[in-house]
PDB file of all heavy atoms in Angstrom:
ATOM      1  N   PHE A   1      14.343  18.526   1.838  1.00  0.00           N
ATOM      2  CA  PHE A   1      13.854  17.613   2.914  1.00  0.00           C
ATOM      3  C   PHE A   1      12.394  17.309   2.785  1.00  0.00           C
ATOM      4  O   PHE A   1      11.983  16.108   2.909  1.00  0.00           O
ATOM      5  CB  PHE A   1      14.101  18.312   4.265  1.00  0.00           C
ATOM      6  CG  PHE A   1      13.576  17.532   5.404  1.00  0.00           C
ATOM      7  CD1 PHE A   1      14.280  16.323   5.921  1.00  0.00           C
ATOM      8  CD2 PHE A   1      12.437  18.011   6.078  1.00  0.00           C
ATOM      9  CE1 PHE A   1      13.786  15.757   7.036  1.00  0.00           C
ATOM     10  CE2 PHE A   1      11.918  17.234   7.081  1.00  0.00           C
ATOM     11  CZ  PHE A   1      12.572  16.141   7.584  1.00  0.00           C
ATOM     12  N   LEU A   2      11.632  18.265   2.393  1.00  0.00           N
ATOM     13  CA  LEU A   2      10.087  18.091   2.232  1.00  0.00           C
ATOM     14  C   LEU A   2       9.913  17.172   1.025  1.00  0.00           C
ATOM     15  O   LEU A   2       8.950  16.301   1.061  1.00  0.00           O
ATOM     16  CB  LEU A   2       9.507  19.466   1.933  1.00  0.00           C
ATOM     17  CG  LEU A   2       9.370  20.371   3.168  1.00  0.00           C
ATOM     18  CD1 LEU A   2       8.712  21.748   2.803  1.00  0.00           C
ATOM     19  CD2 LEU A   2       8.424  19.830   4.276  1.00  0.00           C
ATOM     20  N   VAL A   3      10.605  17.333  -0.080  1.00  0.00           N
ATOM     21  CA  VAL A   3      10.413  16.449  -1.217  1.00  0.00           C
ATOM     22  C   VAL A   3      10.745  14.973  -0.822  1.00  0.00           C
ATOM     23  O   VAL A   3       9.990  14.109  -1.186  1.00  0.00           O
ATOM     24  CB  VAL A   3      11.338  16.848  -2.353  1.00  0.00           C
ATOM     25  CG1 VAL A   3      11.313  15.755  -3.460  1.00  0.00           C
ATOM     26  CG2 VAL A   3      10.923  18.183  -2.865  1.00  0.00           C
ATOM     27  N   VAL A   4      11.852  14.783  -0.053  1.00  0.00           N
ATOM     28  CA  VAL A   4      12.188  13.386   0.504  1.00  0.00           C
ATOM     29  C   VAL A   4      11.068  12.842   1.285  1.00  0.00           C
ATOM     30  O   VAL A   4      10.708  11.631   1.083  1.00  0.00           O
ATOM     31  CB  VAL A   4      13.484  13.479   1.199  1.00  0.00           C
ATOM     32  CG1 VAL A   4      13.734  12.027   1.828  1.00  0.00           C
ATOM     33  CG2 VAL A   4      14.629  13.793   0.186  1.00  0.00           C
ATOM     34  N   VAL A   5      10.492  13.597   2.208  1.00  0.00           N
ATOM     35  CA  VAL A   5       9.480  13.191   3.116  1.00  0.00           C
ATOM     36  C   VAL A   5       8.266  12.725   2.323  1.00  0.00           C
ATOM     37  O   VAL A   5       7.691  11.697   2.524  1.00  0.00           O
ATOM     38  CB  VAL A   5       9.197  14.302   4.172  1.00  0.00           C
ATOM     39  CG1 VAL A   5       7.952  13.888   4.930  1.00  0.00           C
ATOM     40  CG2 VAL A   5      10.295  14.464   5.086  1.00  0.00           C
ATOM     41  N   MET A   6       7.887  13.539   1.340  1.00  0.00           N
ATOM     42  CA  MET A   6       6.620  13.274   0.582  1.00  0.00           C
ATOM     43  C   MET A   6       6.826  12.030  -0.222  1.00  0.00           C
ATOM     44  O   MET A   6       5.977  11.212  -0.377  1.00  0.00           O
ATOM     45  CB  MET A   6       6.427  14.427  -0.371  1.00  0.00           C
ATOM     46  CG  MET A   6       5.955  15.641   0.373  1.00  0.00           C
ATOM     47  SD  MET A   6       5.702  17.109  -0.673  1.00  0.00           S
ATOM     48  CE  MET A   6       4.307  16.521  -1.710  1.00  0.00           C
ATOM     49  N   MET A   7       8.104  11.759  -0.795  1.00  0.00           N
ATOM     50  CA  MET A   7       8.373  10.562  -1.571  1.00  0.00           C
ATOM     51  C   MET A   7       8.337   9.213  -0.697  1.00  0.00           C
ATOM     52  O   MET A   7       7.725   8.349  -0.959  1.00  0.00           O
ATOM     53  CB  MET A   7       9.778  10.649  -2.241  1.00  0.00           C
ATOM     54  CG  MET A   7       9.965  11.757  -3.355  1.00  0.00           C
ATOM     55  SD  MET A   7      11.649  11.779  -3.880  1.00  0.00           S
ATOM     56  CE  MET A   7      11.873  10.222  -4.589  1.00  0.00           C
ATOM     57  N   VAL A   8       8.839   9.383   0.555  1.00  0.00           N
ATOM     58  CA  VAL A   8       8.754   8.315   1.529  1.00  0.00           C
ATOM     59  C   VAL A   8       7.372   8.019   1.838  1.00  0.00           C
ATOM     60  O   VAL A   8       6.792   6.880   1.871  1.00  0.00           O
ATOM     61  CB  VAL A   8       9.515   8.555   2.814  1.00  0.00           C
ATOM     62  CG1 VAL A   8       9.350   7.536   3.837  1.00  0.00           C
ATOM     63  CG2 VAL A   8      11.034   8.668   2.471  1.00  0.00           C
ATOM     64  N   MET A   9       6.599   9.023   2.127  1.00  0.00           N
ATOM     65  CA  MET A   9       5.182   8.862   2.465  1.00  0.00           C
ATOM     66  C   MET A   9       4.424   8.182   1.306  1.00  0.00           C
ATOM     67  O   MET A   9       3.553   7.321   1.452  1.00  0.00           O
ATOM     68  CB  MET A   9       4.450  10.124   2.852  1.00  0.00           C
ATOM     69  CG  MET A   9       5.012  10.676   4.185  1.00  0.00           C
ATOM     70  SD  MET A   9       4.257  12.301   4.517  1.00  0.00           S
ATOM     71  CE  MET A   9       2.607  11.863   4.790  1.00  0.00           C
ATOM     72  N   SER A  10       4.765   8.562   0.053  1.00  0.00           N
ATOM     73  CA  SER A  10       4.039   7.990  -0.986  1.00  0.00           C
ATOM     74  C   SER A  10       4.418   6.520  -1.231  1.00  0.00           C
ATOM     75  O   SER A  10       3.508   5.734  -1.516  1.00  0.00           O
ATOM     76  CB  SER A  10       4.556   8.735  -2.318  1.00  0.00           C
ATOM     77  OG  SER A  10       4.104  10.023  -2.328  1.00  0.00           O
ATOM     78  N   VAL A  11       5.553   6.213  -0.899  1.00  0.00           N
ATOM     79  CA  VAL A  11       6.021   4.802  -0.993  1.00  0.00           C
ATOM     80  C   VAL A  11       5.275   3.938  -0.060  1.00  0.00           C
ATOM     81  O   VAL A  11       4.635   2.893  -0.296  1.00  0.00           O
ATOM     82  CB  VAL A  11       7.558   4.687  -0.800  1.00  0.00           C
ATOM     83  CG1 VAL A  11       7.891   3.147  -0.636  1.00  0.00           C
ATOM     84  CG2 VAL A  11       8.269   5.188  -2.003  1.00  0.00           C
ATOM     85  N   PHE A  12       5.184   4.439   1.328  1.00  0.00           N
ATOM     86  CA  PHE A  12       4.401   3.827   2.305  1.00  0.00           C
ATOM     87  C   PHE A  12       2.911   3.709   2.066  1.00  0.00           C
ATOM     88  O   PHE A  12       2.277   2.673   2.259  1.00  0.00           O
ATOM     89  CB  PHE A  12       4.548   4.518   3.656  1.00  0.00           C
ATOM     90  CG  PHE A  12       5.836   4.101   4.361  1.00  0.00           C
ATOM     91  CD1 PHE A  12       6.923   5.046   4.594  1.00  0.00           C
ATOM     92  CD2 PHE A  12       5.989   2.814   4.898  1.00  0.00           C
ATOM     93  CE1 PHE A  12       8.112   4.672   5.115  1.00  0.00           C
ATOM     94  CE2 PHE A  12       7.098   2.453   5.579  1.00  0.00           C
ATOM     95  CZ  PHE A  12       8.219   3.363   5.730  1.00  0.00           C
ATOM     96  N   SER A  13       2.401   4.747   1.378  1.00  0.00           N
ATOM     97  CA  SER A  13       1.020   4.795   0.991  1.00  0.00           C
ATOM     98  C   SER A  13       0.796   3.675  -0.080  1.00  0.00           C
ATOM     99  O   SER A  13      -0.242   2.893  -0.017  1.00  0.00           O
ATOM    100  CB  SER A  13       0.582   6.066   0.521  1.00  0.00           C
ATOM    101  OG  SER A  13      -0.629   6.082  -0.001  1.00  0.00           O
ATOM    102  N   LEU A  14       1.595   3.614  -1.132  1.00  0.00           N
ATOM    103  CA  LEU A  14       1.481   2.674  -2.132  1.00  0.00           C
ATOM    104  C   LEU A  14       1.610   1.277  -1.553  1.00  0.00           C
ATOM    105  O   LEU A  14       0.861   0.354  -1.928  1.00  0.00           O
ATOM    106  CB  LEU A  14       2.604   2.907  -3.164  1.00  0.00           C
ATOM    107  CG  LEU A  14       2.627   2.023  -4.336  1.00  0.00           C
ATOM    108  CD1 LEU A  14       1.255   2.051  -5.141  1.00  0.00           C
ATOM    109  CD2 LEU A  14       3.764   2.263  -5.321  1.00  0.00           C
ATOM    110  N   CYS A  15       2.511   0.991  -0.585  1.00  0.00           N
ATOM    111  CA  CYS A  15       2.684  -0.375  -0.089  1.00  0.00           C
ATOM    112  C   CYS A  15       1.424  -0.709   0.666  1.00  0.00           C
ATOM    113  O   CYS A  15       0.956  -1.887   0.629  1.00  0.00           O
ATOM    114  CB  CYS A  15       3.869  -0.284   0.877  1.00  0.00           C
ATOM    115  SG  CYS A  15       5.463  -0.202   0.082  1.00  0.00           S
ATOM    116  N   GLY A  16       0.866   0.416   1.331  1.00  0.00           N
ATOM    117  CA  GLY A  16      -0.400   0.117   2.069  1.00  0.00           C
ATOM    118  C   GLY A  16      -1.560  -0.325   1.202  1.00  0.00           C
ATOM    119  O   GLY A  16      -2.212  -1.167   1.413  1.00  0.00           O
ATOM    120  N   CYS A  17      -1.655   0.355   0.062  1.00  0.00           N
ATOM    121  CA  CYS A  17      -2.645   0.075  -0.934  1.00  0.00           C
ATOM    122  C   CYS A  17      -2.448  -1.382  -1.407  1.00  0.00           C
ATOM    123  O   CYS A  17      -3.357  -2.121  -1.570  1.00  0.00           O
ATOM    124  CB  CYS A  17      -2.670   1.102  -2.053  1.00  0.00           C
ATOM    125  SG  CYS A  17      -3.253   2.683  -1.588  1.00  0.00           S
ATOM    126  N   MET A  18      -1.158  -1.677  -1.750  1.00  0.00           N
ATOM    127  CA  MET A  18      -0.910  -2.949  -2.276  1.00  0.00           C
ATOM    128  C   MET A  18      -1.243  -4.043  -1.191  1.00  0.00           C
ATOM    129  O   MET A  18      -1.768  -5.147  -1.589  1.00  0.00           O
ATOM    130  CB  MET A  18       0.603  -3.077  -2.667  1.00  0.00           C
ATOM    131  CG  MET A  18       0.951  -2.298  -3.875  1.00  0.00           C
ATOM    132  SD  MET A  18       2.711  -2.256  -4.210  1.00  0.00           S
ATOM    133  CE  MET A  18       3.034  -4.036  -4.599  1.00  0.00           C
ATOM    134  N   SER A  19      -0.949  -3.755   0.038  1.00  0.00           N
ATOM    135  CA  SER A  19      -1.331  -4.685   1.091  1.00  0.00           C
ATOM    136  C   SER A  19      -2.718  -4.834   1.279  1.00  0.00           C
ATOM    137  O   SER A  19      -3.233  -6.013   1.373  1.00  0.00           O
ATOM    138  CB  SER A  19      -0.639  -4.158   2.425  1.00  0.00           C
ATOM    139  OG  SER A  19      -0.988  -4.987   3.429  1.00  0.00           O
ATOM    140  N   ASN A  20      -3.507  -3.672   1.189  1.00  0.00           N
ATOM    141  CA  ASN A  20      -5.019  -3.824   1.237  1.00  0.00           C
ATOM    142  C   ASN A  20      -5.535  -4.676   0.044  1.00  0.00           C
ATOM    143  O   ASN A  20      -6.437  -5.496   0.205  1.00  0.00           O
ATOM    144  CB  ASN A  20      -5.615  -2.468   1.229  1.00  0.00           C
ATOM    145  CG  ASN A  20      -5.409  -1.719   2.466  1.00  0.00           C
ATOM    146  OD1 ASN A  20      -5.106  -2.389   3.528  1.00  0.00           O
ATOM    147  ND2 ASN A  20      -5.393  -0.399   2.473  1.00  0.00           N
ATOM    148  N   ASP A  21      -5.033  -4.362  -1.189  1.00  0.00           N
ATOM    149  CA  ASP A  21      -5.445  -5.056  -2.389  1.00  0.00           C
ATOM    150  C   ASP A  21      -5.090  -6.611  -2.263  1.00  0.00           C
ATOM    151  O   ASP A  21      -5.963  -7.465  -2.558  1.00  0.00           O
ATOM    152  CB  ASP A  21      -4.739  -4.618  -3.639  1.00  0.00           C
ATOM    153  CG  ASP A  21      -5.278  -3.244  -4.001  1.00  0.00           C
ATOM    154  OD1 ASP A  21      -6.358  -2.838  -3.522  1.00  0.00           O
ATOM    155  OD2 ASP A  21      -4.695  -2.536  -4.759  1.00  0.00           O
ATOM    156  N   GLN A  22      -3.974  -6.927  -1.588  1.00  0.00           N
ATOM    157  CA  GLN A  22      -3.544  -8.248  -1.528  1.00  0.00           C
ATOM    158  C   GLN A  22      -4.549  -8.964  -0.456  1.00  0.00           C
ATOM    159  O   GLN A  22      -4.903 -10.076  -0.676  1.00  0.00           O
ATOM    160  CB  GLN A  22      -2.078  -8.372  -1.030  1.00  0.00           C
ATOM    161  CG  GLN A  22      -1.527  -9.740  -0.943  1.00  0.00           C
ATOM    162  CD  GLN A  22      -0.087  -9.733  -0.643  1.00  0.00           C
ATOM    163  OE1 GLN A  22       0.485  -8.773  -0.365  1.00  0.00           O
ATOM    164  NE2 GLN A  22       0.542 -10.960  -0.661  1.00  0.00           N
ATOM    165  N   ASP A  23      -4.814  -8.165   0.716  1.00  0.00           N
ATOM    166  CA  ASP A  23      -5.713  -8.822   1.632  1.00  0.00           C
ATOM    167  C   ASP A  23      -7.049  -9.027   0.999  1.00  0.00           C
ATOM    168  O   ASP A  23      -7.651 -10.152   1.286  1.00  0.00           O
ATOM    169  CB  ASP A  23      -5.937  -7.773   2.783  1.00  0.00           C
ATOM    170  CG  ASP A  23      -4.657  -7.752   3.658  1.00  0.00           C
ATOM    171  OD1 ASP A  23      -3.729  -8.723   3.539  1.00  0.00           O
ATOM    172  OD2 ASP A  23      -4.584  -6.724   4.421  1.00  0.00           O
ATOM    173  N   SER A  24      -7.545  -8.113   0.177  1.00  0.00           N
ATOM    174  CA  SER A  24      -8.794  -8.234  -0.533  1.00  0.00           C
ATOM    175  C   SER A  24      -8.852  -9.481  -1.483  1.00  0.00           C
ATOM    176  O   SER A  24      -9.739 -10.213  -1.481  1.00  0.00           O
ATOM    177  CB  SER A  24      -9.114  -7.046  -1.398  1.00  0.00           C
ATOM    178  OG  SER A  24     -10.366  -7.187  -2.086  1.00  0.00           O
ATOM    179  N   ASN A  25      -7.607  -9.675  -2.237  1.00  0.00           N
ATOM    180  CA  ASN A  25      -7.592 -10.737  -3.125  1.00  0.00           C
ATOM    181  C   ASN A  25      -7.486 -12.113  -2.266  1.00  0.00           C
ATOM    182  O   ASN A  25      -8.115 -13.038  -2.737  1.00  0.00           O
ATOM    183  CB  ASN A  25      -6.251 -10.591  -3.901  1.00  0.00           C
ATOM    184  CG  ASN A  25      -6.388  -9.620  -5.003  1.00  0.00           C
ATOM    185  OD1 ASN A  25      -7.491  -9.265  -5.397  1.00  0.00           O
ATOM    186  ND2 ASN A  25      -5.211  -8.944  -5.410  1.00  0.00           N
ATOM    187  N   ASN A  26      -6.839 -12.044  -1.182  1.00  0.00           N
ATOM    188  CA  ASN A  26      -6.719 -13.261  -0.319  1.00  0.00           C
ATOM    189  C   ASN A  26      -8.200 -13.599   0.150  1.00  0.00           C
ATOM    190  O   ASN A  26      -8.584 -14.787   0.199  1.00  0.00           O
ATOM    191  CB  ASN A  26      -5.944 -13.073   0.849  1.00  0.00           C
ATOM    192  CG  ASN A  26      -4.385 -12.998   0.450  1.00  0.00           C
ATOM    193  OD1 ASN A  26      -4.153 -13.509  -0.567  1.00  0.00           O
ATOM    194  ND2 ASN A  26      -3.539 -12.424   1.303  1.00  0.00           N
ATOM    195  N   GLU A  27      -8.947 -12.561   0.532  1.00  0.00           N
ATOM    196  CA  GLU A  27     -10.366 -12.793   0.914  1.00  0.00           C
ATOM    197  C   GLU A  27     -11.216 -13.435  -0.089  1.00  0.00           C
ATOM    198  O   GLU A  27     -12.016 -14.400   0.028  1.00  0.00           O
ATOM    199  CB  GLU A  27     -11.092 -11.553   1.459  1.00  0.00           C
ATOM    200  CG  GLU A  27     -10.590 -11.128   2.764  1.00  0.00           C
ATOM    201  CD  GLU A  27     -11.306  -9.854   3.220  1.00  0.00           C
ATOM    202  OE1 GLU A  27     -12.358  -9.556   2.701  1.00  0.00           O
ATOM    203  OE2 GLU A  27     -10.737  -9.159   4.119  1.00  0.00           O
ATOM    204  N   THR A  28     -10.993 -12.899  -1.416  1.00  0.00           N
ATOM    205  CA  THR A  28     -11.744 -13.427  -2.520  1.00  0.00           C
ATOM    206  C   THR A  28     -11.276 -14.890  -2.831  1.00  0.00           C
ATOM    207  O   THR A  28     -12.114 -15.720  -3.112  1.00  0.00           O
ATOM    208  CB  THR A  28     -11.455 -12.519  -3.762  1.00  0.00           C
ATOM    209  OG1 THR A  28     -11.857 -11.181  -3.447  1.00  0.00           O
ATOM    210  CG2 THR A  28     -12.238 -13.059  -5.017  1.00  0.00           C
ATOM    211  N   ASN A  29      -9.961 -15.131  -2.684  1.00  0.00           N
ATOM    212  CA  ASN A  29      -9.509 -16.467  -3.092  1.00  0.00           C
ATOM    213  C   ASN A  29      -9.949 -17.447  -1.996  1.00  0.00           C
ATOM    214  O   ASN A  29     -10.235 -18.580  -2.274  1.00  0.00           O
ATOM    215  CB  ASN A  29      -7.987 -16.512  -3.053  1.00  0.00           C
ATOM    216  CG  ASN A  29      -7.518 -15.671  -4.302  1.00  0.00           C
ATOM    217  OD1 ASN A  29      -8.209 -15.589  -5.253  1.00  0.00           O
ATOM    218  ND2 ASN A  29      -6.252 -15.191  -4.205  1.00  0.00           N
ATOM    219  N   ASN A  30     -10.093 -16.951  -0.774  1.00  0.00           N
ATOM    220  CA  ASN A  30     -10.596 -17.851   0.409  1.00  0.00           C
ATOM    221  C   ASN A  30     -12.006 -18.114   0.444  1.00  0.00           C
ATOM    222  O   ASN A  30     -12.568 -18.960   1.137  1.00  0.00           O
ATOM    223  CB  ASN A  30     -10.041 -17.410   1.661  1.00  0.00           C
ATOM    224  CG  ASN A  30      -8.632 -17.486   1.817  1.00  0.00           C
ATOM    225  OD1 ASN A  30      -7.926 -18.316   1.150  1.00  0.00           O
ATOM    226  ND2 ASN A  30      -7.908 -16.567   2.547  1.00  0.00           N
ATOM    227  N   LYS A  31     -12.838 -17.235  -0.264  1.00  0.00           N
ATOM    228  CA  LYS A  31     -14.271 -17.295  -0.286  1.00  0.00           C
ATOM    229  C   LYS A  31     -14.661 -18.665  -1.008  1.00  0.00           C
ATOM    230  O   LYS A  31     -14.245 -18.897  -2.056  1.00  0.00           O
ATOM    231  CB  LYS A  31     -14.884 -16.137  -0.976  1.00  0.00           C
ATOM    232  CG  LYS A  31     -16.392 -16.062  -0.866  1.00  0.00           C
ATOM    233  CD  LYS A  31     -16.935 -14.821  -1.596  1.00  0.00           C
ATOM    234  CE  LYS A  31     -18.443 -14.848  -1.490  1.00  0.00           C
ATOM    235  NZ  LYS A  31     -19.028 -13.683  -2.173  1.00  0.00           N
TER     236      LYS A  31
END
């Protein structure tokens, strides 16, 4: 159960980073 929870959290964290990077890229592109 703990392994599954950690894997899910990692996925969400990765998605969040990708989202932040994408937002940053969008800001750069819109500058």
